[in-house]
N, C-alpha and C. Protein backbone atom coordinates (compact mmCIF):
# COMPACT_ATOMS: atom_id res chain seq x y z
N MET A 1 74.36 -20.73 8.49
CA MET A 1 73.98 -22.13 8.58
C MET A 1 74.98 -22.84 9.48
N SER A 2 75.26 -22.29 10.62
CA SER A 2 76.27 -22.83 11.51
C SER A 2 75.91 -24.22 12.03
N SER A 3 74.64 -24.58 12.01
CA SER A 3 74.23 -25.89 12.50
C SER A 3 74.40 -26.97 11.44
N GLY A 4 74.57 -26.58 10.19
CA GLY A 4 74.64 -27.55 9.10
C GLY A 4 73.28 -27.99 8.62
N VAL A 5 72.21 -27.43 9.18
CA VAL A 5 70.85 -27.77 8.78
C VAL A 5 70.50 -26.93 7.55
N ALA A 6 70.09 -27.60 6.48
CA ALA A 6 69.76 -26.91 5.23
C ALA A 6 68.29 -26.51 5.22
N VAL A 7 67.97 -25.55 4.35
CA VAL A 7 66.58 -25.13 4.16
C VAL A 7 66.05 -25.87 2.93
N ASN A 8 65.05 -26.72 3.14
CA ASN A 8 64.43 -27.46 2.04
C ASN A 8 63.83 -26.46 1.05
N PRO A 9 64.01 -26.67 -0.27
CA PRO A 9 63.45 -25.74 -1.27
C PRO A 9 61.94 -25.54 -1.15
N GLU A 10 61.23 -26.54 -0.63
CA GLU A 10 59.78 -26.41 -0.43
C GLU A 10 59.46 -25.25 0.51
N CYS A 11 60.35 -24.97 1.46
CA CYS A 11 60.14 -23.85 2.39
C CYS A 11 60.02 -22.54 1.64
N LEU A 12 60.91 -22.34 0.67
CA LEU A 12 60.90 -21.10 -0.10
C LEU A 12 59.72 -21.05 -1.06
N ASP A 13 59.42 -22.18 -1.70
CA ASP A 13 58.28 -22.23 -2.61
C ASP A 13 56.97 -21.91 -1.89
N THR A 14 56.81 -22.49 -0.72
CA THR A 14 55.59 -22.26 0.06
C THR A 14 55.50 -20.81 0.53
N PHE A 15 56.65 -20.24 0.91
CA PHE A 15 56.69 -18.84 1.32
C PHE A 15 56.29 -17.93 0.16
N GLN A 16 56.79 -18.20 -1.03
CA GLN A 16 56.43 -17.40 -2.21
C GLN A 16 54.93 -17.51 -2.49
N GLU A 17 54.40 -18.70 -2.29
CA GLU A 17 52.96 -18.92 -2.48
C GLU A 17 52.15 -18.06 -1.51
N LEU A 18 52.60 -18.00 -0.25
CA LEU A 18 51.91 -17.15 0.75
C LEU A 18 52.04 -15.68 0.36
N LYS A 19 53.24 -15.28 0.01
CA LYS A 19 53.53 -13.87 -0.26
C LYS A 19 52.83 -13.37 -1.51
N LEU A 20 52.83 -14.16 -2.57
CA LEU A 20 52.30 -13.70 -3.85
C LEU A 20 50.88 -14.17 -4.12
N GLY A 21 50.54 -15.35 -3.64
CA GLY A 21 49.24 -15.92 -3.95
C GLY A 21 48.11 -15.38 -3.09
N LYS A 22 48.44 -14.91 -1.90
CA LYS A 22 47.45 -14.35 -0.97
C LYS A 22 46.35 -15.35 -0.60
N LYS A 23 46.63 -16.65 -0.79
CA LYS A 23 45.65 -17.66 -0.41
C LYS A 23 46.01 -18.23 0.96
N LEU A 24 47.30 -18.57 1.14
CA LEU A 24 47.75 -19.09 2.44
C LEU A 24 47.81 -17.96 3.46
N LYS A 25 47.48 -18.26 4.71
CA LYS A 25 47.58 -17.28 5.78
C LYS A 25 48.81 -17.52 6.65
N TYR A 26 49.18 -18.81 6.81
CA TYR A 26 50.40 -19.06 7.59
C TYR A 26 51.05 -20.38 7.22
N ILE A 27 52.34 -20.45 7.58
CA ILE A 27 53.17 -21.64 7.34
C ILE A 27 53.91 -21.94 8.64
N ILE A 28 53.95 -23.22 9.01
CA ILE A 28 54.72 -23.66 10.17
C ILE A 28 55.90 -24.49 9.65
N TYR A 29 57.10 -24.16 10.13
CA TYR A 29 58.32 -24.88 9.75
C TYR A 29 58.92 -25.56 10.97
N ALA A 30 59.68 -26.65 10.73
CA ALA A 30 60.38 -27.34 11.81
C ALA A 30 61.63 -28.00 11.26
N VAL A 31 62.49 -28.43 12.17
CA VAL A 31 63.65 -29.22 11.78
C VAL A 31 63.13 -30.64 11.51
N SER A 32 63.62 -31.24 10.42
CA SER A 32 63.19 -32.60 10.06
C SER A 32 63.57 -33.60 11.15
N ASN A 33 62.91 -34.76 11.14
CA ASN A 33 63.16 -35.79 12.15
C ASN A 33 64.61 -36.24 12.20
N ASP A 34 65.31 -36.20 11.06
CA ASP A 34 66.71 -36.62 11.05
C ASP A 34 67.68 -35.44 11.27
N ASN A 35 67.14 -34.27 11.61
CA ASN A 35 67.92 -33.07 11.93
C ASN A 35 68.83 -32.59 10.80
N THR A 36 68.44 -32.82 9.54
CA THR A 36 69.30 -32.41 8.44
C THR A 36 68.78 -31.19 7.69
N GLU A 37 67.47 -30.92 7.79
CA GLU A 37 66.93 -29.79 7.04
C GLU A 37 65.70 -29.20 7.72
N ILE A 38 65.38 -27.97 7.31
CA ILE A 38 64.17 -27.30 7.76
C ILE A 38 63.08 -27.61 6.74
N VAL A 39 61.92 -28.06 7.23
CA VAL A 39 60.83 -28.49 6.35
C VAL A 39 59.52 -27.80 6.74
N VAL A 40 58.60 -27.79 5.80
CA VAL A 40 57.25 -27.27 6.05
C VAL A 40 56.46 -28.38 6.76
N VAL A 41 55.87 -28.08 7.91
CA VAL A 41 55.05 -29.09 8.60
C VAL A 41 53.56 -28.80 8.48
N LYS A 42 53.20 -27.53 8.18
CA LYS A 42 51.78 -27.22 8.03
C LYS A 42 51.62 -25.91 7.28
N THR A 43 50.58 -25.85 6.45
CA THR A 43 50.15 -24.60 5.86
C THR A 43 48.66 -24.47 6.13
N SER A 44 48.18 -23.23 6.17
CA SER A 44 46.76 -23.04 6.43
C SER A 44 46.24 -21.81 5.71
N GLU A 45 45.00 -21.91 5.29
CA GLU A 45 44.32 -20.78 4.67
C GLU A 45 43.41 -20.08 5.69
N SER A 46 43.40 -20.58 6.91
CA SER A 46 42.55 -20.01 7.95
C SER A 46 43.11 -18.68 8.44
N ALA A 47 42.26 -17.67 8.54
CA ALA A 47 42.67 -16.37 9.03
C ALA A 47 42.57 -16.27 10.56
N SER A 48 42.23 -17.36 11.22
CA SER A 48 42.07 -17.33 12.68
C SER A 48 43.44 -17.31 13.37
N TYR A 49 43.71 -16.20 14.08
CA TYR A 49 44.99 -16.09 14.80
C TYR A 49 45.04 -17.10 15.94
N ASP A 50 43.91 -17.38 16.56
CA ASP A 50 43.87 -18.39 17.64
C ASP A 50 44.24 -19.77 17.12
N GLU A 51 43.78 -20.09 15.92
CA GLU A 51 44.13 -21.37 15.31
C GLU A 51 45.63 -21.44 15.04
N PHE A 52 46.19 -20.32 14.56
CA PHE A 52 47.63 -20.25 14.33
C PHE A 52 48.39 -20.50 15.64
N LEU A 53 48.01 -19.81 16.70
CA LEU A 53 48.69 -20.00 17.99
C LEU A 53 48.57 -21.44 18.49
N ALA A 54 47.42 -22.07 18.23
CA ALA A 54 47.22 -23.46 18.64
C ALA A 54 48.16 -24.41 17.91
N ASP A 55 48.64 -24.01 16.73
CA ASP A 55 49.56 -24.84 15.96
C ASP A 55 51.02 -24.68 16.41
N LEU A 56 51.27 -23.81 17.37
CA LEU A 56 52.61 -23.69 17.95
C LEU A 56 52.65 -24.62 19.17
N PRO A 57 53.40 -25.73 19.08
CA PRO A 57 53.35 -26.75 20.13
C PRO A 57 53.93 -26.27 21.47
N ALA A 58 53.41 -26.82 22.55
CA ALA A 58 53.83 -26.41 23.90
C ALA A 58 55.22 -26.90 24.27
N ALA A 59 55.71 -27.93 23.60
CA ALA A 59 56.99 -28.51 24.01
C ALA A 59 57.94 -28.76 22.84
N ASP A 60 57.78 -28.02 21.75
CA ASP A 60 58.67 -28.22 20.61
C ASP A 60 58.88 -26.89 19.88
N CYS A 61 60.05 -26.70 19.32
CA CYS A 61 60.40 -25.46 18.62
C CYS A 61 59.83 -25.46 17.20
N ARG A 62 59.43 -24.29 16.75
CA ARG A 62 58.92 -24.12 15.40
C ARG A 62 59.27 -22.71 14.92
N TRP A 63 59.31 -22.57 13.59
CA TRP A 63 59.32 -21.26 12.97
C TRP A 63 57.97 -21.12 12.29
N ALA A 64 57.55 -19.90 12.09
CA ALA A 64 56.29 -19.69 11.39
C ALA A 64 56.35 -18.37 10.63
N VAL A 65 55.56 -18.33 9.57
CA VAL A 65 55.34 -17.09 8.83
C VAL A 65 53.82 -16.91 8.81
N TYR A 66 53.39 -15.71 9.20
CA TYR A 66 51.97 -15.41 9.27
C TYR A 66 51.69 -14.13 8.50
N ASP A 67 50.70 -14.15 7.62
CA ASP A 67 50.28 -12.97 6.88
C ASP A 67 49.28 -12.22 7.76
N PHE A 68 49.80 -11.28 8.52
CA PHE A 68 49.02 -10.59 9.55
C PHE A 68 48.25 -9.43 8.92
N GLN A 69 46.91 -9.48 9.01
CA GLN A 69 46.07 -8.42 8.47
C GLN A 69 45.48 -7.62 9.62
N PHE A 70 45.47 -6.29 9.46
CA PHE A 70 44.92 -5.44 10.51
C PHE A 70 44.37 -4.16 9.90
N GLU A 71 43.56 -3.47 10.69
CA GLU A 71 42.97 -2.20 10.27
C GLU A 71 43.86 -1.06 10.73
N LYS A 72 44.18 -0.18 9.82
CA LYS A 72 44.94 1.02 10.15
C LYS A 72 43.93 2.13 10.45
N ASP A 73 44.17 2.88 11.53
CA ASP A 73 43.25 3.96 11.90
C ASP A 73 43.04 4.90 10.71
N GLY A 74 41.83 4.89 10.18
CA GLY A 74 41.48 5.76 9.07
C GLY A 74 42.16 5.42 7.76
N GLY A 75 42.86 4.29 7.69
CA GLY A 75 43.60 4.00 6.48
C GLY A 75 43.30 2.66 5.85
N GLY A 76 42.25 2.01 6.28
CA GLY A 76 41.88 0.73 5.68
C GLY A 76 42.72 -0.43 6.16
N LYS A 77 42.65 -1.53 5.42
CA LYS A 77 43.33 -2.76 5.82
C LYS A 77 44.78 -2.78 5.36
N ARG A 78 45.61 -3.36 6.20
CA ARG A 78 47.04 -3.53 5.90
C ARG A 78 47.41 -4.99 6.14
N ASN A 79 48.46 -5.43 5.45
CA ASN A 79 49.01 -6.77 5.66
C ASN A 79 50.50 -6.65 5.93
N LYS A 80 50.98 -7.42 6.88
CA LYS A 80 52.41 -7.51 7.16
C LYS A 80 52.76 -8.98 7.29
N ILE A 81 53.80 -9.39 6.60
CA ILE A 81 54.26 -10.77 6.72
C ILE A 81 55.21 -10.83 7.91
N CYS A 82 54.84 -11.65 8.89
CA CYS A 82 55.58 -11.74 10.15
C CYS A 82 56.27 -13.09 10.27
N PHE A 83 57.48 -13.06 10.81
CA PHE A 83 58.28 -14.26 11.03
C PHE A 83 58.35 -14.53 12.54
N TYR A 84 58.08 -15.76 12.93
CA TYR A 84 58.06 -16.14 14.34
C TYR A 84 59.12 -17.21 14.61
N SER A 85 59.86 -17.03 15.69
CA SER A 85 60.74 -18.07 16.23
C SER A 85 60.11 -18.52 17.54
N TRP A 86 59.65 -19.76 17.56
CA TRP A 86 58.90 -20.28 18.71
C TRP A 86 59.75 -21.32 19.42
N ALA A 87 60.20 -21.01 20.63
CA ALA A 87 61.02 -21.93 21.41
C ALA A 87 60.49 -21.97 22.84
N PRO A 88 59.47 -22.80 23.09
CA PRO A 88 58.86 -22.84 24.42
C PRO A 88 59.83 -23.38 25.48
N ASP A 89 59.63 -22.96 26.70
CA ASP A 89 60.48 -23.38 27.82
C ASP A 89 60.52 -24.90 27.98
N ASP A 90 59.43 -25.57 27.63
CA ASP A 90 59.35 -27.02 27.81
C ASP A 90 60.02 -27.83 26.71
N ALA A 91 60.57 -27.16 25.69
CA ALA A 91 61.27 -27.88 24.63
C ALA A 91 62.59 -28.43 25.17
N LYS A 92 63.05 -29.51 24.57
CA LYS A 92 64.31 -30.12 25.00
C LYS A 92 65.48 -29.19 24.69
N ILE A 93 66.48 -29.20 25.56
CA ILE A 93 67.63 -28.30 25.41
C ILE A 93 68.34 -28.52 24.07
N LYS A 94 68.59 -29.77 23.71
CA LYS A 94 69.27 -30.05 22.45
C LYS A 94 68.48 -29.51 21.26
N ALA A 95 67.16 -29.69 21.30
CA ALA A 95 66.30 -29.18 20.23
C ALA A 95 66.37 -27.65 20.16
N LYS A 96 66.39 -26.99 21.30
CA LYS A 96 66.47 -25.53 21.33
C LYS A 96 67.80 -25.03 20.76
N MET A 97 68.88 -25.75 21.08
CA MET A 97 70.19 -25.35 20.58
C MET A 97 70.26 -25.50 19.06
N LEU A 98 69.77 -26.60 18.53
CA LEU A 98 69.75 -26.82 17.09
C LEU A 98 68.85 -25.78 16.42
N PHE A 99 67.72 -25.53 17.02
CA PHE A 99 66.76 -24.54 16.52
C PHE A 99 67.42 -23.16 16.43
N ALA A 100 68.06 -22.74 17.51
CA ALA A 100 68.68 -21.41 17.56
C ALA A 100 69.80 -21.27 16.53
N SER A 101 70.59 -22.32 16.36
CA SER A 101 71.70 -22.23 15.41
C SER A 101 71.25 -22.39 13.96
N SER A 102 70.02 -22.81 13.75
CA SER A 102 69.49 -22.98 12.39
C SER A 102 68.59 -21.82 11.96
N SER A 103 68.14 -21.02 12.89
CA SER A 103 67.17 -19.96 12.60
C SER A 103 67.63 -18.99 11.52
N ASP A 104 68.89 -18.60 11.58
CA ASP A 104 69.39 -17.59 10.66
C ASP A 104 69.30 -18.05 9.21
N ALA A 105 69.55 -19.32 8.95
CA ALA A 105 69.50 -19.84 7.58
C ALA A 105 68.10 -19.68 7.00
N LEU A 106 67.08 -20.02 7.78
CA LEU A 106 65.70 -19.88 7.30
C LEU A 106 65.34 -18.41 7.15
N ARG A 107 65.65 -17.62 8.15
CA ARG A 107 65.27 -16.21 8.14
C ARG A 107 65.87 -15.47 6.94
N ARG A 108 67.14 -15.75 6.64
CA ARG A 108 67.81 -15.09 5.50
C ARG A 108 67.20 -15.53 4.17
N ALA A 109 66.71 -16.75 4.11
CA ALA A 109 66.16 -17.28 2.86
C ALA A 109 64.79 -16.68 2.53
N LEU A 110 64.08 -16.19 3.54
CA LEU A 110 62.72 -15.66 3.34
C LEU A 110 62.78 -14.14 3.16
N VAL A 111 62.74 -13.70 1.92
CA VAL A 111 62.85 -12.27 1.62
C VAL A 111 61.45 -11.66 1.59
N GLY A 112 61.27 -10.58 2.33
CA GLY A 112 59.98 -9.90 2.34
C GLY A 112 59.29 -9.93 3.69
N ILE A 113 60.02 -10.27 4.74
CA ILE A 113 59.47 -10.29 6.09
C ILE A 113 59.39 -8.86 6.62
N ALA A 114 58.25 -8.46 7.17
CA ALA A 114 58.07 -7.10 7.67
C ALA A 114 58.39 -6.97 9.16
N ALA A 115 58.16 -8.04 9.92
CA ALA A 115 58.39 -7.99 11.37
C ALA A 115 58.78 -9.37 11.86
N GLU A 116 59.56 -9.39 12.95
CA GLU A 116 60.00 -10.65 13.54
C GLU A 116 59.60 -10.71 15.00
N PHE A 117 59.24 -11.91 15.44
CA PHE A 117 58.82 -12.13 16.82
C PHE A 117 59.47 -13.38 17.36
N GLN A 118 59.88 -13.33 18.62
CA GLN A 118 60.39 -14.51 19.30
C GLN A 118 59.50 -14.76 20.49
N GLY A 119 59.18 -16.04 20.71
CA GLY A 119 58.30 -16.34 21.82
C GLY A 119 58.62 -17.68 22.44
N SER A 120 58.37 -17.76 23.74
CA SER A 120 58.48 -19.03 24.45
C SER A 120 57.15 -19.36 25.13
N GLU A 121 56.23 -18.41 25.10
CA GLU A 121 54.87 -18.64 25.59
C GLU A 121 53.92 -17.79 24.75
N HIS A 122 52.66 -18.21 24.70
CA HIS A 122 51.70 -17.57 23.80
C HIS A 122 51.49 -16.08 24.07
N SER A 123 51.66 -15.63 25.30
CA SER A 123 51.46 -14.22 25.60
C SER A 123 52.47 -13.33 24.86
N GLU A 124 53.66 -13.89 24.56
CA GLU A 124 54.70 -13.11 23.86
C GLU A 124 54.39 -12.93 22.38
N VAL A 125 53.51 -13.75 21.85
CA VAL A 125 53.13 -13.63 20.44
C VAL A 125 51.62 -13.45 20.31
N SER A 126 51.02 -12.85 21.31
CA SER A 126 49.57 -12.63 21.29
C SER A 126 49.20 -11.68 20.17
N TYR A 127 47.95 -11.75 19.76
CA TYR A 127 47.46 -10.87 18.70
C TYR A 127 47.74 -9.41 19.04
N GLU A 128 47.49 -9.03 20.28
CA GLU A 128 47.65 -7.64 20.71
C GLU A 128 49.10 -7.18 20.61
N SER A 129 50.05 -8.03 21.05
CA SER A 129 51.46 -7.62 21.00
C SER A 129 51.97 -7.54 19.56
N VAL A 130 51.50 -8.44 18.70
CA VAL A 130 51.89 -8.40 17.29
C VAL A 130 51.27 -7.17 16.62
N LEU A 131 50.00 -6.93 16.88
CA LEU A 131 49.32 -5.75 16.32
C LEU A 131 50.04 -4.47 16.73
N ASP A 132 50.43 -4.38 17.99
CA ASP A 132 51.13 -3.20 18.48
C ASP A 132 52.41 -2.96 17.69
N LYS A 133 53.18 -4.01 17.47
CA LYS A 133 54.47 -3.84 16.77
C LYS A 133 54.27 -3.54 15.29
N VAL A 134 53.39 -4.24 14.60
CA VAL A 134 53.24 -4.01 13.15
C VAL A 134 52.54 -2.69 12.84
N SER A 135 51.65 -2.24 13.71
CA SER A 135 50.94 -0.98 13.43
C SER A 135 51.80 0.24 13.71
N ARG A 136 52.83 0.10 14.54
CA ARG A 136 53.72 1.24 14.81
C ARG A 136 54.49 1.65 13.56
N GLY A 137 54.80 0.69 12.70
CA GLY A 137 55.60 0.98 11.52
C GLY A 137 54.86 1.69 10.41
N ASN A 138 53.56 1.86 10.56
CA ASN A 138 52.77 2.47 9.47
C ASN A 138 52.50 3.92 9.77
């Protein structure tokens, strides 16, 4: 927590809801407006990966957790909980620095992440690239 930004308890509660409840498909997190804590800005039950990508803003940093479901060759459906660090090139430098120094606090607090992704443009977190990484581990 080198930035001094705390993780709001709601972040962990919402993550547990996604992990155990299997109702939520993704959570979007951000630094609060006063730069003191990490907060939940959106949750969704939609399984649309395109909708998830649309919720990653073009000019602002976000973290996200996505319950990624995919078909394993001959092995049925699998789920992997994925953690995303989203820092687009168009984000402000100060925001990116605070984001980078706060990431570790959130990541360590979320137990049960199967894969991590960093992206600055949508092609880096495309469905195909995520599928490639999560399916290799099975």
